[in-house]
Amino acid sequence: MVNVVYAMGQGGAEGAQGGLGAFVPLILMFVIFYFLLIRPQQKKQKEHQEMIRGLRKGDRVMLNGGIYGRITSLDESTLSVEIADKVRVKVNRSYVAALTHGQTEKESKAEPEKLKSK
């Protein structure tokens, strides 16, 4: 009977240490997820917020729906984007996906004419 109690006592002490050891892989997984997923996403979100704050009139943007246009006016939370000749849409600032530096179709056609006139 003493042997059974002695054996149970030893197992209990090892079980407490084993319980702490079971959390080590979970902690390591959280650290890996933080550096591979959470931190880069936070950095990307911060850069996007800075880009949205830095928008100016005349900037060329791409909206989340894939529409390209030029900013014609700004407000605190909205902006007006010209997507074609005399076609303007009002969108929320957060719907701007990226700044673009390409030329529109009209400008690319007009550029050779400007060079000829010089």
Protein backbone atom coordinates (compact mmCIF):
# COMPACT_ATOMS: atom_id res chain seq x y z
CA MET A 1 0.00 0.00 0.00
CA VAL A 2 2.87 2.36 0.80
CA ASN A 3 4.36 1.72 -2.64
CA VAL A 4 1.14 2.83 -4.33
CA VAL A 5 0.99 6.08 -2.36
CA TYR A 6 4.68 6.72 -2.98
CA ALA A 7 4.22 6.16 -6.73
CA MET A 8 1.22 8.49 -6.87
CA GLY A 9 3.16 11.20 -5.03
CA GLN A 10 6.02 11.13 -7.52
CA GLY A 11 3.69 11.25 -10.50
CA GLY A 12 1.92 14.33 -9.18
CA ALA A 13 5.14 16.32 -8.94
CA GLU A 14 6.19 15.39 -12.47
CA GLY A 15 2.72 16.22 -13.76
CA ALA A 16 3.01 19.80 -12.50
CA GLN A 17 6.28 20.27 -14.36
CA GLY A 18 4.84 18.62 -17.46
CA GLY A 19 1.88 21.05 -17.38
CA LEU A 20 4.23 24.02 -17.54
CA GLY A 21 6.14 22.35 -20.35
CA ALA A 22 2.91 22.00 -22.32
CA PHE A 23 2.58 25.79 -22.53
CA VAL A 24 6.03 26.27 -24.07
CA PRO A 25 4.94 25.15 -27.58
CA LEU A 26 1.87 27.40 -27.36
CA ILE A 27 4.02 30.38 -26.41
CA LEU A 28 6.43 29.62 -29.26
CA MET A 29 3.52 29.39 -31.72
CA PHE A 30 2.21 32.78 -30.57
CA VAL A 31 5.66 34.34 -31.01
CA ILE A 32 5.92 32.90 -34.52
CA PHE A 33 2.43 34.10 -35.45
CA TYR A 34 3.23 37.55 -34.09
CA PHE A 35 6.36 38.00 -36.18
CA LEU A 36 5.02 36.34 -39.34
CA LEU A 37 1.41 37.57 -39.41
CA ILE A 38 0.41 40.19 -36.85
CA ARG A 39 3.39 42.56 -36.97
CA PRO A 40 3.60 42.84 -40.80
CA GLN A 41 -0.16 43.44 -41.01
CA GLN A 42 0.05 46.24 -38.43
CA LYS A 43 2.95 47.82 -40.35
CA LYS A 44 1.00 47.65 -43.61
CA GLN A 45 -2.07 49.19 -41.97
CA LYS A 46 0.03 52.03 -40.52
CA GLU A 47 1.54 52.79 -43.95
CA HIS A 48 -1.96 52.83 -45.50
CA GLN A 49 -3.21 55.28 -42.85
CA GLU A 50 -0.23 57.58 -43.52
CA MET A 51 -0.92 57.40 -47.26
CA ILE A 52 -4.57 58.33 -46.72
CA ARG A 53 -3.60 61.29 -44.49
CA GLY A 54 -1.15 62.52 -47.14
CA LEU A 55 -3.60 62.62 -50.06
CA ARG A 56 -3.66 65.90 -52.00
CA LYS A 57 -5.68 67.42 -54.79
CA GLY A 58 -4.43 66.18 -58.15
CA ASP A 59 -3.08 62.85 -56.86
CA ARG A 60 -3.85 59.81 -58.97
CA VAL A 61 -5.39 57.00 -56.98
CA MET A 62 -6.77 53.51 -57.34
CA LEU A 63 -9.92 52.76 -55.37
CA ASN A 64 -10.69 49.40 -53.74
CA GLY A 65 -13.02 48.50 -56.61
CA GLY A 66 -10.17 48.83 -59.12
CA ILE A 67 -11.29 52.23 -60.42
CA TYR A 68 -8.51 54.66 -61.31
CA GLY A 69 -8.97 58.39 -61.07
CA ARG A 70 -7.63 61.78 -60.07
CA ILE A 71 -8.58 63.58 -56.84
CA THR A 72 -10.42 66.82 -57.58
CA SER A 73 -11.44 67.84 -54.06
CA LEU A 74 -10.86 66.75 -50.49
CA ASP A 75 -12.91 66.78 -47.31
CA GLU A 76 -12.21 65.40 -43.82
CA SER A 77 -13.69 61.99 -44.52
CA THR A 78 -14.51 62.03 -48.25
CA LEU A 79 -12.89 62.93 -51.51
CA SER A 80 -14.12 63.56 -55.02
CA VAL A 81 -12.42 61.49 -57.70
CA GLU A 82 -12.66 62.20 -61.43
CA ILE A 83 -12.79 58.82 -63.15
CA ALA A 84 -13.48 60.10 -66.69
CA ASP A 85 -14.02 63.44 -68.42
CA LYS A 86 -16.58 65.34 -66.32
CA VAL A 87 -17.45 62.19 -64.35
CA ARG A 88 -16.78 62.58 -60.64
CA VAL A 89 -17.61 60.26 -57.79
CA LYS A 90 -17.52 60.99 -54.10
CA VAL A 91 -15.90 58.25 -52.01
CA ASN A 92 -14.82 57.71 -48.45
CA ARG A 93 -11.07 58.19 -47.88
CA SER A 94 -10.69 54.64 -46.59
CA TYR A 95 -11.68 53.28 -50.02
CA VAL A 96 -8.44 54.52 -51.58
CA ALA A 97 -6.33 51.41 -52.15
CA ALA A 98 -3.15 53.01 -53.50
CA LEU A 99 -1.54 56.03 -55.08
CA THR A 100 -0.68 55.54 -58.74
CA HIS A 101 1.87 57.43 -60.74
CA GLY A 102 0.81 56.30 -64.20
CA GLN A 103 -0.72 58.52 -66.85
CA THR A 104 -4.33 58.42 -67.84
CA GLU A 105 -5.31 57.51 -71.39
CA LYS A 106 -6.11 61.14 -72.27
CA GLU A 107 -2.71 62.38 -71.03
CA SER A 108 -0.78 59.70 -72.89
CA LYS A 109 -2.51 60.75 -76.15
CA ALA A 110 -1.94 64.44 -75.45
CA GLU A 111 1.75 64.08 -74.63
CA PRO A 112 2.97 63.53 -78.23
CA GLU A 113 0.99 66.63 -79.29
CA LYS A 114 2.75 68.69 -76.59
CA LEU A 115 6.13 67.48 -77.82
CA LYS A 116 5.27 68.41 -81.43
CA SER A 117 4.24 71.94 -80.45
CA LYS A 118 7.60 72.61 -78.72
